[in-house]
Amino acid sequence: MKVLFRAVRSRRKFVNSPKVKAEIERVLDREVKPDLIKQFERVVSDWKNKPEFKARKSISANGVKIYVYPAGPNKKIWFFVSGGTKPHTIRPKNAHNRLFFPAGPYQPKTRPGGFYGGPGIAPGPTVAAKAVQHPGTEAREFEKVIAKDYKNKFRRNVENAFRRGLRG
């Protein structure tokens, strides 16, 4: 799953210039990648099981692209939260055990629309069950919100890099 994709199209003849390409690579590596990764890390800053984020760039005649993706042992959690889950049954690993969980209304850390920073608590008495029908979670779509917020800055950085490369 690609987390973020943004392209700035150029006149095809300029992107093949070594100076232009080198300047774009420099801007992507030193400014854009770290800035975007910080945006993603801000979303998970208060998570207990945080995924790591990495970025990959692509520069071609078709455009300049950045992919930010989760990595590490907790990357699945990002996909579950940002992409949502379908309704499913939860059972304990051992059939003789029970599931214990708070019965109160859960107040999530995140909400659909890319909102984050809630309390993440479930007040109420603890109850036990042999199985639970989980209703699923609505996709938070953090990537779309980050892409929308960062779009103009990305375009400005890459276009300025084009100009510097053409002058240099």
C-alpha atoms as a PDB file:
ATOM      1  CA  MET A   1       0.000   0.000   0.000  1.00  0.00           C
ATOM      2  CA  LYS A   2       1.476   3.307  -1.059  1.00  0.00           C
ATOM      3  CA  VAL A   3       0.975   5.926   1.573  1.00  0.00           C
ATOM      4  CA  LEU A   4       1.629   9.118  -0.325  1.00  0.00           C
ATOM      5  CA  PHE A   5       2.005   9.995  -3.974  1.00  0.00           C
ATOM      6  CA  ARG A   6       2.512  13.450  -5.382  1.00  0.00           C
ATOM      7  CA  ALA A   7       3.894  14.333  -8.779  1.00  0.00           C
ATOM      8  CA  VAL A   8       5.086  17.550 -10.335  1.00  0.00           C
ATOM      9  CA  ARG A   9       5.216  17.252 -14.073  1.00  0.00           C
ATOM     10  CA  SER A  10       7.958  18.946 -16.044  1.00  0.00           C
ATOM     11  CA  ARG A  11       8.803  19.570 -19.604  1.00  0.00           C
ATOM     12  CA  ARG A  12      10.371  16.220 -20.305  1.00  0.00           C
ATOM     13  CA  LYS A  13      13.624  17.659 -21.660  1.00  0.00           C
ATOM     14  CA  PHE A  14      14.621  19.325 -18.360  1.00  0.00           C
ATOM     15  CA  VAL A  15      14.398  16.353 -16.014  1.00  0.00           C
ATOM     16  CA  ASN A  16      17.126  14.559 -17.951  1.00  0.00           C
ATOM     17  CA  SER A  17      19.572  17.387 -17.273  1.00  0.00           C
ATOM     18  CA  PRO A  18      22.128  16.136 -14.713  1.00  0.00           C
ATOM     19  CA  LYS A  19      22.145  19.471 -12.879  1.00  0.00           C
ATOM     20  CA  VAL A  20      18.355  19.630 -12.609  1.00  0.00           C
ATOM     21  CA  LYS A  21      18.089  16.034 -11.514  1.00  0.00           C
ATOM     22  CA  ALA A  22      20.866  16.455  -8.915  1.00  0.00           C
ATOM     23  CA  GLU A  23      19.201  19.543  -7.446  1.00  0.00           C
ATOM     24  CA  ILE A  24      15.807  17.826  -7.247  1.00  0.00           C
ATOM     25  CA  GLU A  25      17.398  14.797  -5.546  1.00  0.00           C
ATOM     26  CA  ARG A  26      19.135  17.070  -3.065  1.00  0.00           C
ATOM     27  CA  VAL A  27      15.892  18.865  -2.172  1.00  0.00           C
ATOM     28  CA  LEU A  28      13.948  15.607  -1.865  1.00  0.00           C
ATOM     29  CA  ASP A  29      16.578  13.941   0.326  1.00  0.00           C
ATOM     30  CA  ARG A  30      17.402  16.904   2.583  1.00  0.00           C
ATOM     31  CA  GLU A  31      14.091  18.743   2.868  1.00  0.00           C
ATOM     32  CA  VAL A  32      11.033  16.905   1.588  1.00  0.00           C
ATOM     33  CA  LYS A  33      11.638  13.368   2.900  1.00  0.00           C
ATOM     34  CA  PRO A  34      12.497  14.407   6.485  1.00  0.00           C
ATOM     35  CA  ASP A  35       9.622  16.895   6.548  1.00  0.00           C
ATOM     36  CA  LEU A  36       7.061  14.343   5.348  1.00  0.00           C
ATOM     37  CA  ILE A  37       8.322  11.661   7.722  1.00  0.00           C
ATOM     38  CA  LYS A  38       7.918  14.139  10.604  1.00  0.00           C
ATOM     39  CA  GLN A  39       4.308  14.707   9.524  1.00  0.00           C
ATOM     40  CA  PHE A  40       3.619  10.966   9.741  1.00  0.00           C
ATOM     41  CA  GLU A  41       5.503  10.603  13.029  1.00  0.00           C
ATOM     42  CA  ARG A  42       3.405  13.394  14.516  1.00  0.00           C
ATOM     43  CA  VAL A  43       0.275  11.290  13.919  1.00  0.00           C
ATOM     44  CA  VAL A  44       1.680   8.328  15.873  1.00  0.00           C
ATOM     45  CA  SER A  45       3.562  10.334  18.524  1.00  0.00           C
ATOM     46  CA  ASP A  46       1.332   9.112  21.371  1.00  0.00           C
ATOM     47  CA  TRP A  47       0.806   5.546  20.117  1.00  0.00           C
ATOM     48  CA  LYS A  48       2.106   2.709  22.268  1.00  0.00           C
ATOM     49  CA  ASN A  49       3.143   0.556  19.273  1.00  0.00           C
ATOM     50  CA  LYS A  50       4.470   3.119  16.805  1.00  0.00           C
ATOM     51  CA  PRO A  51       5.434   2.161  13.274  1.00  0.00           C
ATOM     52  CA  GLU A  52       8.546   3.649  11.723  1.00  0.00           C
ATOM     53  CA  PHE A  53       8.280   5.551   8.456  1.00  0.00           C
ATOM     54  CA  LYS A  54      10.539   5.536   5.445  1.00  0.00           C
ATOM     55  CA  ALA A  55      10.417   7.430   2.175  1.00  0.00           C
ATOM     56  CA  ARG A  56      11.398   6.594  -1.367  1.00  0.00           C
ATOM     57  CA  LYS A  57      11.744   9.039  -4.257  1.00  0.00           C
ATOM     58  CA  SER A  58      11.281   8.633  -7.983  1.00  0.00           C
ATOM     59  CA  ILE A  59      12.442  11.161 -10.557  1.00  0.00           C
ATOM     60  CA  SER A  60      11.620  10.575 -14.201  1.00  0.00           C
ATOM     61  CA  ALA A  61      10.268  12.355 -17.253  1.00  0.00           C
ATOM     62  CA  ASN A  62       6.778  11.455 -15.998  1.00  0.00           C
ATOM     63  CA  GLY A  63       7.162  13.382 -12.766  1.00  0.00           C
ATOM     64  CA  VAL A  64       8.719  13.661  -9.349  1.00  0.00           C
ATOM     65  CA  LYS A  65       7.204  11.318  -6.764  1.00  0.00           C
ATOM     66  CA  ILE A  66       7.644  10.604  -3.085  1.00  0.00           C
ATOM     67  CA  TYR A  67       6.326   7.482  -1.391  1.00  0.00           C
ATOM     68  CA  VAL A  68       6.118   7.445   2.407  1.00  0.00           C
ATOM     69  CA  TYR A  69       5.378   4.055   3.900  1.00  0.00           C
ATOM     70  CA  PRO A  70       5.261   2.418   7.332  1.00  0.00           C
ATOM     71  CA  ALA A  71       8.054   0.037   8.298  1.00  0.00           C
ATOM     72  CA  GLY A  72       9.144  -2.041  11.263  1.00  0.00           C
ATOM     73  CA  PRO A  73       7.299  -4.572  13.388  1.00  0.00           C
ATOM     74  CA  ASN A  74       4.268  -2.299  13.974  1.00  0.00           C
ATOM     75  CA  LYS A  75       3.564  -1.332  10.361  1.00  0.00           C
ATOM     76  CA  LYS A  76       0.383  -3.440  10.268  1.00  0.00           C
ATOM     77  CA  ILE A  77      -1.136  -1.250  12.965  1.00  0.00           C
ATOM     78  CA  TRP A  78      -0.815   1.757  10.648  1.00  0.00           C
ATOM     79  CA  PHE A  79      -2.639  -0.114   7.880  1.00  0.00           C
ATOM     80  CA  PHE A  80      -5.410  -1.180  10.274  1.00  0.00           C
ATOM     81  CA  VAL A  81      -5.947   2.330  11.646  1.00  0.00           C
ATOM     82  CA  SER A  82      -5.426   4.414   8.520  1.00  0.00           C
ATOM     83  CA  GLY A  83      -7.054   1.952   6.131  1.00  0.00           C
ATOM     84  CA  GLY A  84      -9.798   0.700   8.450  1.00  0.00           C
ATOM     85  CA  THR A  85     -10.908  -2.856   9.160  1.00  0.00           C
ATOM     86  CA  LYS A  86     -13.955  -4.949   8.303  1.00  0.00           C
ATOM     87  CA  PRO A  87     -16.230  -6.424  10.971  1.00  0.00           C
ATOM     88  CA  HIS A  88     -14.667  -9.601  12.379  1.00  0.00           C
ATOM     89  CA  THR A  89     -14.803 -12.035  15.276  1.00  0.00           C
ATOM     90  CA  ILE A  90     -12.079 -11.924  17.916  1.00  0.00           C
ATOM     91  CA  ARG A  91     -11.292 -15.087  19.875  1.00  0.00           C
ATOM     92  CA  PRO A  92      -8.531 -15.846  22.385  1.00  0.00           C
ATOM     93  CA  LYS A  93      -5.570 -17.822  21.062  1.00  0.00           C
ATOM     94  CA  ASN A  94      -6.290 -20.609  23.517  1.00  0.00           C
ATOM     95  CA  ALA A  95      -9.921 -21.812  23.276  1.00  0.00           C
ATOM     96  CA  HIS A  96     -10.068 -22.376  27.063  1.00  0.00           C
ATOM     97  CA  ASN A  97      -9.254 -18.725  27.829  1.00  0.00           C
ATOM     98  CA  ARG A  98     -11.476 -15.671  27.830  1.00  0.00           C
ATOM     99  CA  LEU A  99     -11.092 -12.168  26.504  1.00  0.00           C
ATOM    100  CA  PHE A 100     -11.101  -9.383  29.099  1.00  0.00           C
ATOM    101  CA  PHE A 101     -11.878  -5.813  28.085  1.00  0.00           C
ATOM    102  CA  PRO A 102     -13.507  -2.633  29.415  1.00  0.00           C
ATOM    103  CA  ALA A 103     -17.202  -2.433  28.525  1.00  0.00           C
ATOM    104  CA  GLY A 104     -17.542   1.349  28.555  1.00  0.00           C
ATOM    105  CA  PRO A 105     -17.840   3.502  25.433  1.00  0.00           C
ATOM    106  CA  TYR A 106     -14.405   3.700  23.853  1.00  0.00           C
ATOM    107  CA  GLN A 107     -12.981   7.177  23.241  1.00  0.00           C
ATOM    108  CA  PRO A 108     -10.452   6.690  20.400  1.00  0.00           C
ATOM    109  CA  LYS A 109      -7.131   8.462  19.919  1.00  0.00           C
ATOM    110  CA  THR A 110      -8.005   8.969  16.241  1.00  0.00           C
ATOM    111  CA  ARG A 111     -11.155   9.721  14.213  1.00  0.00           C
ATOM    112  CA  PRO A 112     -12.071   9.435  10.537  1.00  0.00           C
ATOM    113  CA  GLY A 113     -10.902  12.376   8.476  1.00  0.00           C
ATOM    114  CA  GLY A 114      -7.310  12.185   9.677  1.00  0.00           C
ATOM    115  CA  PHE A 115      -7.958  13.594  13.153  1.00  0.00           C
ATOM    116  CA  TYR A 116      -5.640  12.418  15.915  1.00  0.00           C
ATOM    117  CA  GLY A 117      -4.770  13.262  19.503  1.00  0.00           C
ATOM    118  CA  GLY A 118      -7.807  11.916  21.396  1.00  0.00           C
ATOM    119  CA  PRO A 119      -7.629  10.302  24.849  1.00  0.00           C
ATOM    120  CA  GLY A 120      -7.669   6.637  23.717  1.00  0.00           C
ATOM    121  CA  ILE A 121      -9.500   5.346  26.789  1.00  0.00           C
ATOM    122  CA  ALA A 122     -12.291   2.884  27.466  1.00  0.00           C
ATOM    123  CA  PRO A 123     -13.882   3.653  30.846  1.00  0.00           C
ATOM    124  CA  GLY A 124     -16.229   1.170  32.422  1.00  0.00           C
ATOM    125  CA  PRO A 125     -16.191  -2.171  34.159  1.00  0.00           C
ATOM    126  CA  THR A 126     -14.069  -5.016  32.845  1.00  0.00           C
ATOM    127  CA  VAL A 127     -16.057  -7.854  31.293  1.00  0.00           C
ATOM    128  CA  ALA A 128     -15.075 -11.295  29.988  1.00  0.00           C
ATOM    129  CA  ALA A 129     -16.232 -13.190  26.904  1.00  0.00           C
ATOM    130  CA  LYS A 130     -15.271 -16.291  24.923  1.00  0.00           C
ATOM    131  CA  ALA A 131     -15.525 -14.329  21.658  1.00  0.00           C
ATOM    132  CA  VAL A 132     -16.380 -10.810  20.568  1.00  0.00           C
ATOM    133  CA  GLN A 133     -17.870  -9.548  17.315  1.00  0.00           C
ATOM    134  CA  HIS A 134     -15.755  -6.492  16.481  1.00  0.00           C
ATOM    135  CA  PRO A 135     -17.718  -3.962  14.378  1.00  0.00           C
ATOM    136  CA  GLY A 136     -14.641  -2.943  12.385  1.00  0.00           C
ATOM    137  CA  THR A 137     -13.085   0.506  12.234  1.00  0.00           C
ATOM    138  CA  GLU A 138     -13.663   3.331   9.824  1.00  0.00           C
ATOM    139  CA  ALA A 139     -10.582   4.337   7.820  1.00  0.00           C
ATOM    140  CA  ARG A 140      -8.773   7.361   9.261  1.00  0.00           C
ATOM    141  CA  GLU A 141      -7.041   8.171   5.945  1.00  0.00           C
ATOM    142  CA  PHE A 142      -4.129  10.062   7.487  1.00  0.00           C
ATOM    143  CA  GLU A 143      -2.233   9.927   4.164  1.00  0.00           C
ATOM    144  CA  LYS A 144      -4.874  11.938   2.342  1.00  0.00           C
ATOM    145  CA  VAL A 145      -4.877  14.649   4.992  1.00  0.00           C
ATOM    146  CA  ILE A 146      -1.072  14.867   5.052  1.00  0.00           C
ATOM    147  CA  ALA A 147      -0.918  14.909   1.233  1.00  0.00           C
ATOM    148  CA  LYS A 148      -3.508  17.679   1.052  1.00  0.00           C
ATOM    149  CA  ASP A 149      -1.706  19.775   3.680  1.00  0.00           C
ATOM    150  CA  TYR A 150       1.753  19.236   2.147  1.00  0.00           C
ATOM    151  CA  LYS A 151       0.850  19.532  -1.551  1.00  0.00           C
ATOM    152  CA  ASN A 152       1.660  23.230  -2.008  1.00  0.00           C
ATOM    153  CA  LYS A 153       4.933  23.021  -0.059  1.00  0.00           C
ATOM    154  CA  PHE A 154       6.010  19.989  -2.094  1.00  0.00           C
ATOM    155  CA  ARG A 155       5.218  21.698  -5.374  1.00  0.00           C
ATOM    156  CA  ARG A 156       7.024  24.883  -4.304  1.00  0.00           C
ATOM    157  CA  ASN A 157      10.161  22.954  -3.212  1.00  0.00           C
ATOM    158  CA  VAL A 158      10.358  20.927  -6.423  1.00  0.00           C
ATOM    159  CA  GLU A 159       9.645  23.864  -8.732  1.00  0.00           C
ATOM    160  CA  ASN A 160      12.336  25.926  -6.975  1.00  0.00           C
ATOM    161  CA  ALA A 161      14.737  23.006  -7.369  1.00  0.00           C
ATOM    162  CA  PHE A 162      13.962  22.934 -11.129  1.00  0.00           C
ATOM    163  CA  ARG A 163      14.765  26.637 -11.367  1.00  0.00           C
ATOM    164  CA  ARG A 164      18.020  26.334  -9.399  1.00  0.00           C
ATOM    165  CA  GLY A 165      19.069  23.352 -11.495  1.00  0.00           C
ATOM    166  CA  LEU A 166      18.434  25.219 -14.731  1.00  0.00           C
ATOM    167  CA  ARG A 167      20.441  28.250 -13.548  1.00  0.00           C
ATOM    168  CA  GLY A 168      23.321  26.170 -12.165  1.00  0.00           C
END
